[in-house]
Amino acid sequence: MIHDAFFRTTTRASDAPIVTAYDFSRFGVVADIGGSTGALLAAVLHEYPSVRGILFDLPHVVSGAGTNLAEAGWPTAAR
Protein backbone atom coordinates (compact mmCIF):
# COMPACT_ATOMS: atom_id res chain seq x y z
CA MET A 1 0.00 0.00 0.00
CA ILE A 2 2.84 2.43 0.76
CA HIS A 3 4.34 1.62 -2.63
CA ASP A 4 1.06 2.46 -4.38
CA ALA A 5 0.64 5.72 -2.43
CA PHE A 6 4.20 6.76 -3.28
CA PHE A 7 3.67 6.28 -7.02
CA ARG A 8 0.25 7.98 -6.98
CA THR A 9 1.86 11.03 -5.38
CA THR A 10 5.04 11.22 -7.42
CA THR A 11 3.58 10.54 -10.84
CA ARG A 12 0.78 13.13 -10.68
CA ALA A 13 3.33 15.84 -11.49
CA SER A 14 4.17 14.13 -14.79
CA ASP A 15 0.58 13.61 -16.01
CA ALA A 16 0.13 17.04 -17.66
CA PRO A 17 3.54 17.07 -19.40
CA ILE A 18 2.93 13.57 -20.81
CA VAL A 19 -0.51 14.50 -22.13
CA THR A 20 0.85 17.73 -23.59
CA ALA A 21 3.90 16.11 -25.20
CA TYR A 22 2.17 13.18 -26.87
CA ASP A 23 -0.73 13.20 -29.33
CA PHE A 24 -3.12 10.47 -28.18
CA SER A 25 -5.84 11.54 -30.65
CA ARG A 26 -4.73 9.04 -33.29
CA PHE A 27 -5.76 6.14 -31.06
CA GLY A 28 -9.27 4.84 -30.52
CA VAL A 29 -8.29 3.14 -27.25
CA VAL A 30 -5.48 3.85 -24.79
CA ALA A 31 -4.54 1.22 -22.21
CA ASP A 32 -2.79 2.26 -19.00
CA ILE A 33 -1.16 -0.92 -17.74
CA GLY A 34 -0.08 -0.63 -14.12
CA GLY A 35 -2.03 2.64 -14.05
CA SER A 36 -2.82 2.67 -10.34
CA THR A 37 -6.03 4.62 -9.70
CA GLY A 38 -6.23 6.14 -13.17
CA ALA A 39 -4.86 9.68 -12.80
CA LEU A 40 -2.87 9.61 -16.04
CA LEU A 41 -5.67 7.88 -17.91
CA ALA A 42 -8.14 10.49 -16.63
CA ALA A 43 -5.83 13.24 -17.90
CA VAL A 44 -5.58 11.59 -21.33
CA LEU A 45 -9.34 11.10 -21.58
CA HIS A 46 -9.97 14.67 -20.50
CA GLU A 47 -7.69 16.04 -23.21
CA TYR A 48 -8.84 13.58 -25.89
CA PRO A 49 -12.57 12.93 -25.37
CA SER A 50 -12.88 10.71 -28.46
CA VAL A 51 -10.43 8.18 -26.99
CA ARG A 52 -11.63 5.26 -24.87
CA GLY A 53 -9.51 4.08 -21.97
CA ILE A 54 -8.59 0.81 -20.29
CA LEU A 55 -7.06 0.86 -16.83
CA PHE A 56 -5.34 -2.34 -15.72
CA ASP A 57 -3.72 -2.96 -12.35
CA LEU A 58 -4.09 -5.16 -9.30
CA PRO A 59 -7.62 -5.23 -7.83
CA HIS A 60 -6.66 -3.58 -4.55
CA VAL A 61 -4.88 -0.81 -6.45
CA VAL A 62 -7.65 0.06 -8.91
CA SER A 63 -10.35 0.02 -6.23
CA GLY A 64 -10.28 3.84 -6.12
CA ALA A 65 -10.14 4.32 -9.88
CA GLY A 66 -13.88 4.45 -10.41
CA THR A 67 -14.15 7.45 -8.14
CA ASN A 68 -11.16 9.21 -9.72
CA LEU A 69 -12.39 8.67 -13.27
CA ALA A 70 -15.97 9.60 -12.38
CA GLU A 71 -14.74 12.83 -10.79
CA ALA A 72 -12.91 13.54 -14.04
CA GLY A 73 -16.24 13.11 -15.85
CA TRP A 74 -15.76 9.64 -17.30
CA PRO A 75 -18.09 6.67 -16.81
CA THR A 76 -16.48 3.45 -15.69
CA ALA A 77 -17.14 -0.22 -16.10
CA ALA A 78 -15.33 -2.77 -13.97
CA ARG A 79 -14.74 -6.38 -15.02
PDB file of N, CA and C in Angstrom:
ATOM      1  N   MET A   1       0.809  -1.187   0.000  1.00  0.00           N
ATOM      2  CA  MET A   1       0.000   0.000   0.000  1.00  0.00           C
ATOM      3  C   MET A   1       0.862   1.266   0.000  1.00  0.00           C
ATOM      4  N   ILE A   2       1.947   1.264   0.740  1.00  0.00           N
ATOM      5  CA  ILE A   2       2.839   2.427   0.763  1.00  0.00           C
ATOM      6  C   ILE A   2       3.436   2.632  -0.622  1.00  0.00           C
ATOM      7  N   HIS A   3       3.798   1.550  -1.274  1.00  0.00           N
ATOM      8  CA  HIS A   3       4.340   1.617  -2.632  1.00  0.00           C
ATOM      9  C   HIS A   3       3.350   2.301  -3.572  1.00  0.00           C
ATOM     10  N   ASP A   4       2.093   1.889  -3.519  1.00  0.00           N
ATOM     11  CA  ASP A   4       1.058   2.465  -4.377  1.00  0.00           C
ATOM     12  C   ASP A   4       0.860   3.948  -4.084  1.00  0.00           C
ATOM     13  N   ALA A   5       0.824   4.311  -2.817  1.00  0.00           N
ATOM     14  CA  ALA A   5       0.644   5.715  -2.435  1.00  0.00           C
ATOM     15  C   ALA A   5       1.812   6.563  -2.921  1.00  0.00           C
ATOM     16  N   PHE A   6       3.016   6.039  -2.818  1.00  0.00           N
ATOM     17  CA  PHE A   6       4.197   6.758  -3.285  1.00  0.00           C
ATOM     18  C   PHE A   6       4.086   7.072  -4.780  1.00  0.00           C
ATOM     19  N   PHE A   7       3.752   6.063  -5.577  1.00  0.00           N
ATOM     20  CA  PHE A   7       3.668   6.279  -7.022  1.00  0.00           C
ATOM     21  C   PHE A   7       2.499   7.173  -7.411  1.00  0.00           C
ATOM     22  N   ARG A   8       1.381   7.074  -6.705  1.00  0.00           N
ATOM     23  CA  ARG A   8       0.251   7.976  -6.984  1.00  0.00           C
ATOM     24  C   ARG A   8       0.679   9.420  -6.774  1.00  0.00           C
ATOM     25  N   THR A   9       1.429   9.670  -5.715  1.00  0.00           N
ATOM     26  CA  THR A   9       1.855  11.028  -5.385  1.00  0.00           C
ATOM     27  C   THR A   9       2.922  11.546  -6.335  1.00  0.00           C
ATOM     28  N   THR A  10       3.921  10.743  -6.619  1.00  0.00           N
ATOM     29  CA  THR A  10       5.043  11.225  -7.421  1.00  0.00           C
ATOM     30  C   THR A  10       4.746  11.312  -8.909  1.00  0.00           C
ATOM     31  N   THR A  11       3.841  10.500  -9.407  1.00  0.00           N
ATOM     32  CA  THR A  11       3.578  10.535 -10.844  1.00  0.00           C
ATOM     33  C   THR A  11       2.554  11.583 -11.249  1.00  0.00           C
ATOM     34  N   ARG A  12       1.767  12.095 -10.339  1.00  0.00           N
ATOM     35  CA  ARG A  12       0.776  13.134 -10.684  1.00  0.00           C
ATOM     36  C   ARG A  12       1.439  14.332 -11.339  1.00  0.00           C
ATOM     37  N   ALA A  13       2.634  14.680 -10.918  1.00  0.00           N
ATOM     38  CA  ALA A  13       3.327  15.837 -11.488  1.00  0.00           C
ATOM     39  C   ALA A  13       3.682  15.628 -12.954  1.00  0.00           C
ATOM     40  N   SER A  14       3.797  14.389 -13.398  1.00  0.00           N
ATOM     41  CA  SER A  14       4.174  14.128 -14.788  1.00  0.00           C
ATOM     42  C   SER A  14       2.979  13.935 -15.713  1.00  0.00           C
ATOM     43  N   ASP A  15       1.757  13.862 -15.172  1.00  0.00           N
ATOM     44  CA  ASP A  15       0.581  13.613 -16.013  1.00  0.00           C
ATOM     45  C   ASP A  15       0.397  14.693 -17.083  1.00  0.00           C
ATOM     46  N   ALA A  16       0.364  15.951 -16.695  1.00  0.00           N
ATOM     47  CA  ALA A  16       0.132  17.041 -17.657  1.00  0.00           C
ATOM     48  C   ALA A  16       1.226  17.107 -18.720  1.00  0.00           C
ATOM     49  N   PRO A  17       2.504  17.038 -18.359  1.00  0.00           N
ATOM     50  CA  PRO A  17       3.535  17.067 -19.402  1.00  0.00           C
ATOM     51  C   PRO A  17       3.449  15.892 -20.383  1.00  0.00           C
ATOM     52  N   ILE A  18       3.067  14.729 -19.916  1.00  0.00           N
ATOM     53  CA  ILE A  18       2.926  13.569 -20.807  1.00  0.00           C
ATOM     54  C   ILE A  18       1.788  13.809 -21.784  1.00  0.00           C
ATOM     55  N   VAL A  19       0.660  14.260 -21.273  1.00  0.00           N
ATOM     56  CA  VAL A  19      -0.510  14.498 -22.126  1.00  0.00           C
ATOM     57  C   VAL A  19      -0.233  15.621 -23.121  1.00  0.00           C
ATOM     58  N   THR A  20       0.506  16.624 -22.706  1.00  0.00           N
ATOM     59  CA  THR A  20       0.850  17.733 -23.589  1.00  0.00           C
ATOM     60  C   THR A  20       1.868  17.319 -24.654  1.00  0.00           C
ATOM     61  N   ALA A  21       2.802  16.467 -24.294  1.00  0.00           N
ATOM     62  CA  ALA A  21       3.899  16.109 -25.200  1.00  0.00           C
ATOM     63  C   ALA A  21       3.518  15.063 -26.236  1.00  0.00           C
ATOM     64  N   TYR A  22       2.493  14.286 -25.970  1.00  0.00           N
ATOM     65  CA  TYR A  22       2.168  13.177 -26.869  1.00  0.00           C
ATOM     66  C   TYR A  22       0.751  13.323 -27.406  1.00  0.00           C
ATOM     67  N   ASP A  23       0.574  13.092 -28.695  1.00  0.00           N
ATOM     68  CA  ASP A  23      -0.732  13.198 -29.328  1.00  0.00           C
ATOM     69  C   ASP A  23      -1.445  11.851 -29.280  1.00  0.00           C
ATOM     70  N   PHE A  24      -2.365  11.702 -28.337  1.00  0.00           N
ATOM     71  CA  PHE A  24      -3.121  10.467 -28.182  1.00  0.00           C
ATOM     72  C   PHE A  24      -4.332  10.403 -29.112  1.00  0.00           C
ATOM     73  N   SER A  25      -4.616  11.468 -29.853  1.00  0.00           N
ATOM     74  CA  SER A  25      -5.838  11.536 -30.651  1.00  0.00           C
ATOM     75  C   SER A  25      -5.880  10.517 -31.782  1.00  0.00           C
ATOM     76  N   ARG A  26      -4.744  10.011 -32.189  1.00  0.00           N
ATOM     77  CA  ARG A  26      -4.733   9.040 -33.292  1.00  0.00           C
ATOM     78  C   ARG A  26      -5.155   7.638 -32.873  1.00  0.00           C
ATOM     79  N   PHE A  27      -5.372   7.452 -31.581  1.00  0.00           N
ATOM     80  CA  PHE A  27      -5.757   6.142 -31.061  1.00  0.00           C
ATOM     81  C   PHE A  27      -7.231   6.118 -30.673  1.00  0.00           C
ATOM     82  N   GLY A  28      -7.887   5.017 -30.944  1.00  0.00           N
ATOM     83  CA  GLY A  28      -9.269   4.842 -30.519  1.00  0.00           C
ATOM     84  C   GLY A  28      -9.356   4.421 -29.067  1.00  0.00           C
ATOM     85  N   VAL A  29      -8.342   3.652 -28.616  1.00  0.00           N
ATOM     86  CA  VAL A  29      -8.295   3.144 -27.248  1.00  0.00           C
ATOM     87  C   VAL A  29      -6.877   3.300 -26.719  1.00  0.00           C
ATOM     88  N   VAL A  30      -6.769   3.760 -25.483  1.00  0.00           N
ATOM     89  CA  VAL A  30      -5.480   3.854 -24.789  1.00  0.00           C
ATOM     90  C   VAL A  30      -5.560   2.966 -23.556  1.00  0.00           C
ATOM     91  N   ALA A  31      -4.589   2.085 -23.380  1.00  0.00           N
ATOM     92  CA  ALA A  31      -4.535   1.216 -22.207  1.00  0.00           C
ATOM     93  C   ALA A  31      -3.428   1.687 -21.282  1.00  0.00           C
ATOM     94  N   ASP A  32      -3.762   1.883 -20.031  1.00  0.00           N
ATOM     95  CA  ASP A  32      -2.790   2.263 -19.004  1.00  0.00           C
ATOM     96  C   ASP A  32      -2.555   1.027 -18.142  1.00  0.00           C
ATOM     97  N   ILE A  33      -1.485   0.319 -18.440  1.00  0.00           N
ATOM     98  CA  ILE A  33      -1.155  -0.921 -17.742  1.00  0.00           C
ATOM     99  C   ILE A  33      -0.318  -0.571 -16.518  1.00  0.00           C
ATOM    100  N   GLY A  34      -0.752  -1.021 -15.358  1.00  0.00           N
ATOM    101  CA  GLY A  34      -0.080  -0.632 -14.118  1.00  0.00           C
ATOM    102  C   GLY A  34      -0.420   0.805 -13.776  1.00  0.00           C
ATOM    103  N   GLY A  35      -1.626   1.238 -14.142  1.00  0.00           N
ATOM    104  CA  GLY A  35      -2.028   2.641 -14.052  1.00  0.00           C
ATOM    105  C   GLY A  35      -2.550   3.101 -12.709  1.00  0.00           C
ATOM    106  N   SER A  36      -2.404   2.298 -11.690  1.00  0.00           N
ATOM    107  CA  SER A  36      -2.817   2.673 -10.341  1.00  0.00           C
ATOM    108  C   SER A  36      -4.292   3.057 -10.308  1.00  0.00           C
ATOM    109  N   THR A  37      -4.621   4.229  -9.827  1.00  0.00           N
ATOM    110  CA  THR A  37      -6.027   4.620  -9.704  1.00  0.00           C
ATOM    111  C   THR A  37      -6.493   5.500 -10.853  1.00  0.00           C
ATOM    112  N   GLY A  38      -5.747   5.541 -11.946  1.00  0.00           N
ATOM    113  CA  GLY A  38      -6.233   6.145 -13.170  1.00  0.00           C
ATOM    114  C   GLY A  38      -5.988   7.624 -13.386  1.00  0.00           C
ATOM    115  N   ALA A  39      -5.094   8.248 -12.644  1.00  0.00           N
ATOM    116  CA  ALA A  39      -4.861   9.683 -12.797  1.00  0.00           C
ATOM    117  C   ALA A  39      -4.365  10.038 -14.197  1.00  0.00           C
ATOM    118  N   LEU A  40      -3.379   9.320 -14.702  1.00  0.00           N
ATOM    119  CA  LEU A  40      -2.867   9.607 -16.040  1.00  0.00           C
ATOM    120  C   LEU A  40      -3.922   9.315 -17.091  1.00  0.00           C
ATOM    121  N   LEU A  41      -4.621   8.214 -16.962  1.00  0.00           N
ATOM    122  CA  LEU A  41      -5.666   7.880 -17.913  1.00  0.00           C
ATOM    123  C   LEU A  41      -6.763   8.947 -17.903  1.00  0.00           C
ATOM    124  N   ALA A  42      -7.139   9.423 -16.733  1.00  0.00           N
ATOM    125  CA  ALA A  42      -8.143  10.488 -16.635  1.00  0.00           C
ATOM    126  C   ALA A  42      -7.667  11.741 -17.354  1.00  0.00           C
ATOM    127  N   ALA A  43      -6.377  12.069 -17.220  1.00  0.00           N
ATOM    128  CA  ALA A  43      -5.826  13.245 -17.902  1.00  0.00           C
ATOM    129  C   ALA A  43      -5.864  13.065 -19.418  1.00  0.00           C
ATOM    130  N   VAL A  44      -5.535  11.876 -19.889  1.00  0.00           N
ATOM    131  CA  VAL A  44      -5.576  11.591 -21.332  1.00  0.00           C
ATOM    132  C   VAL A  44      -7.010  11.701 -21.842  1.00  0.00           C
ATOM    133  N   LEU A  45      -7.951  11.083 -21.143  1.00  0.00           N
ATOM    134  CA  LEU A  45      -9.344  11.097 -21.576  1.00  0.00           C
ATOM    135  C   LEU A  45      -9.944  12.498 -21.525  1.00  0.00           C
ATOM    136  N   HIS A  46      -9.489  13.291 -20.580  1.00  0.00           N
ATOM    137  CA  HIS A  46      -9.970  14.673 -20.496  1.00  0.00           C
ATOM    138  C   HIS A  46      -9.506  15.480 -21.707  1.00  0.00           C
ATOM    139  N   GLU A  47      -8.260  15.293 -22.086  1.00  0.00           N
ATOM    140  CA  GLU A  47      -7.686  16.041 -23.214  1.00  0.00           C
ATOM    141  C   GLU A  47      -8.169  15.510 -24.562  1.00  0.00           C
ATOM    142  N   TYR A  48      -8.440  14.223 -24.629  1.00  0.00           N
ATOM    143  CA  TYR A  48      -8.840  13.576 -25.886  1.00  0.00           C
ATOM    144  C   TYR A  48     -10.158  12.837 -25.672  1.00  0.00           C
ATOM    145  N   PRO A  49     -11.283  13.540 -25.689  1.00  0.00           N
ATOM    146  CA  PRO A  49     -12.574  12.927 -25.370  1.00  0.00           C
ATOM    147  C   PRO A  49     -13.029  11.833 -26.332  1.00  0.00           C
ATOM    148  N   SER A  50     -12.468  11.770 -27.521  1.00  0.00           N
ATOM    149  CA  SER A  50     -12.877  10.714 -28.457  1.00  0.00           C
ATOM    150  C   SER A  50     -12.183   9.382 -28.176  1.00  0.00           C
ATOM    151  N   VAL A  51     -11.197   9.382 -27.316  1.00  0.00           N
ATOM    152  CA  VAL A  51     -10.429   8.178 -26.985  1.00  0.00           C
ATOM    153  C   VAL A  51     -11.122   7.425 -25.850  1.00  0.00           C
ATOM    154  N   ARG A  52     -11.148   6.114 -25.959  1.00  0.00           N
ATOM    155  CA  ARG A  52     -11.627   5.261 -24.872  1.00  0.00           C
ATOM    156  C   ARG A  52     -10.426   4.776 -24.086  1.00  0.00           C
ATOM    157  N   GLY A  53     -10.628   4.476 -22.803  1.00  0.00           N
ATOM    158  CA  GLY A  53      -9.511   4.078 -21.966  1.00  0.00           C
ATOM    159  C   GLY A  53      -9.719   2.763 -21.265  1.00  0.00           C
ATOM    160  N   ILE A  54      -8.613   2.046 -21.073  1.00  0.00           N
ATOM    161  CA  ILE A  54      -8.591   0.811 -20.294  1.00  0.00           C
ATOM    162  C   ILE A  54      -7.548   0.991 -19.196  1.00  0.00           C
ATOM    163  N   LEU A  55      -7.963   0.782 -17.969  1.00  0.00           N
ATOM    164  CA  LEU A  55      -7.058   0.857 -16.827  1.00  0.00           C
ATOM    165  C   LEU A  55      -6.876  -0.548 -16.292  1.00  0.00           C
ATOM    166  N   PHE A  56      -5.628  -0.980 -16.176  1.00  0.00           N
ATOM    167  CA  PHE A  56      -5.340  -2.341 -15.719  1.00  0.00           C
ATOM    168  C   PHE A  56      -4.302  -2.292 -14.615  1.00  0.00           C
ATOM    169  N   ASP A  57      -4.652  -2.850 -13.468  1.00  0.00           N
ATOM    170  CA  ASP A  57      -3.715  -2.960 -12.352  1.00  0.00           C
ATOM    171  C   ASP A  57      -4.279  -4.002 -11.390  1.00  0.00           C
ATOM    172  N   LEU A  58      -3.620  -4.213 -10.298  1.00  0.00           N
ATOM    173  CA  LEU A  58      -4.089  -5.163  -9.297  1.00  0.00           C
ATOM    174  C   LEU A  58      -5.411  -4.685  -8.707  1.00  0.00           C
ATOM    175  N   PRO A  59      -6.302  -5.616  -8.343  1.00  0.00           N
ATOM    176  CA  PRO A  59      -7.624  -5.233  -7.834  1.00  0.00           C
ATOM    177  C   PRO A  59      -7.586  -4.264  -6.654  1.00  0.00           C
ATOM    178  N   HIS A  60      -6.693  -4.482  -5.711  1.00  0.00           N
ATOM    179  CA  HIS A  60      -6.656  -3.583  -4.545  1.00  0.00           C
ATOM    180  C   HIS A  60      -6.143  -2.194  -4.919  1.00  0.00           C
ATOM    181  N   VAL A  61      -5.415  -2.100  -6.021  1.00  0.00           N
ATOM    182  CA  VAL A  61      -4.876  -0.808  -6.453  1.00  0.00           C
ATOM    183  C   VAL A  61      -5.933  -0.006  -7.204  1.00  0.00           C
ATOM    184  N   VAL A  62      -6.659  -0.652  -8.094  1.00  0.00           N
ATOM    185  CA  VAL A  62      -7.647   0.059  -8.910  1.00  0.00           C
ATOM    186  C   VAL A  62      -8.972   0.289  -8.183  1.00  0.00           C
ATOM    187  N   SER A  63      -9.079  -0.128  -6.939  1.00  0.00           N
ATOM    188  CA  SER A  63     -10.352   0.018  -6.228  1.00  0.00           C
ATOM    189  C   SER A  63     -10.815   1.471  -6.142  1.00  0.00           C
ATOM    190  N   GLY A  64      -9.896   2.435  -6.161  1.00  0.00           N
ATOM    191  CA  GLY A  64     -10.276   3.843  -6.122  1.00  0.00           C
ATOM    192  C   GLY A  64     -10.394   4.487  -7.486  1.00  0.00           C
ATOM    193  N   ALA A  65     -10.152   3.750  -8.532  1.00  0.00           N
ATOM    194  CA  ALA A  65     -10.141   4.321  -9.879  1.00  0.00           C
ATOM    195  C   ALA A  65     -11.507   4.788 -10.331  1.00  0.00           C
ATOM    196  N   GLY A  66     -12.543   4.048  -9.992  1.00  0.00           N
ATOM    197  CA  GLY A  66     -13.883   4.449 -10.408  1.00  0.00           C
ATOM    198  C   GLY A  66     -14.224   5.844  -9.933  1.00  0.00           C
ATOM    199  N   THR A  67     -13.900   6.132  -8.698  1.00  0.00           N
ATOM    200  CA  THR A  67     -14.155   7.453  -8.137  1.00  0.00           C
ATOM    201  C   THR A  67     -13.320   8.515  -8.847  1.00  0.00           C
ATOM    202  N   ASN A  68     -12.039   8.240  -9.045  1.00  0.00           N
ATOM    203  CA  ASN A  68     -11.163   9.209  -9.719  1.00  0.00           C
ATOM    204  C   ASN A  68     -11.634   9.502 -11.136  1.00  0.00           C
ATOM    205  N   LEU A  69     -11.958   8.476 -11.888  1.00  0.00           N
ATOM    206  CA  LEU A  69     -12.389   8.671 -13.265  1.00  0.00           C
ATOM    207  C   LEU A  69     -13.763   9.333 -13.326  1.00  0.00           C
ATOM    208  N   ALA A  70     -14.659   8.972 -12.410  1.00  0.00           N
ATOM    209  CA  ALA A  70     -15.974   9.605 -12.375  1.00  0.00           C
ATOM    210  C   ALA A  70     -15.852  11.093 -12.048  1.00  0.00           C
ATOM    211  N   GLU A  71     -14.965  11.434 -11.113  1.00  0.00           N
ATOM    212  CA  GLU A  71     -14.740  12.835 -10.789  1.00  0.00           C
ATOM    213  C   GLU A  71     -14.179  13.611 -11.972  1.00  0.00           C
ATOM    214  N   ALA A  72     -13.453  12.914 -12.839  1.00  0.00           N
ATOM    215  CA  ALA A  72     -12.908  13.540 -14.045  1.00  0.00           C
ATOM    216  C   ALA A  72     -13.965  13.602 -15.152  1.00  0.00           C
ATOM    217  N   GLY A  73     -15.151  13.044 -14.884  1.00  0.00           N
ATOM    218  CA  GLY A  73     -16.240  13.110 -15.848  1.00  0.00           C
ATOM    219  C   GLY A  73     -16.360  11.927 -16.777  1.00  0.00           C
ATOM    220  N   TRP A  74     -15.735  10.796 -16.414  1.00  0.00           N
ATOM    221  CA  TRP A  74     -15.756   9.635 -17.297  1.00  0.00           C
ATOM    222  C   TRP A  74     -16.457   8.467 -16.645  1.00  0.00           C
ATOM    223  N   PRO A  75     -17.411   7.859 -17.352  1.00  0.00           N
ATOM    224  CA  PRO A  75     -18.087   6.672 -16.810  1.00  0.00           C
ATOM    225  C   PRO A  75     -17.113   5.500 -16.751  1.00  0.00           C
ATOM    226  N   THR A  76     -17.363   4.603 -15.838  1.00  0.00           N
ATOM    227  CA  THR A  76     -16.475   3.449 -15.687  1.00  0.00           C
ATOM    228  C   THR A  76     -17.266   2.159 -15.752  1.00  0.00           C
ATOM    229  N   ALA A  77     -16.584   1.124 -16.125  1.00  0.00           N
ATOM    230  CA  ALA A  77     -17.144  -0.223 -16.100  1.00  0.00           C
ATOM    231  C   ALA A  77     -16.066  -1.155 -15.619  1.00  0.00           C
ATOM    232  N   ALA A  78     -16.315  -1.846 -14.530  1.00  0.00           N
ATOM    233  CA  ALA A  78     -15.325  -2.767 -13.973  1.00  0.00           C
ATOM    234  C   ALA A  78     -15.629  -4.179 -14.444  1.00  0.00           C
ATOM    235  N   ARG A  79     -14.586  -4.962 -14.655  1.00  0.00           N
ATOM    236  CA  ARG A  79     -14.740  -6.377 -15.019  1.00  0.00           C
ATOM    237  C   ARG A  79     -13.857  -7.208 -14.152  1.00  0.00           C
TER     238      ARG A  79
END
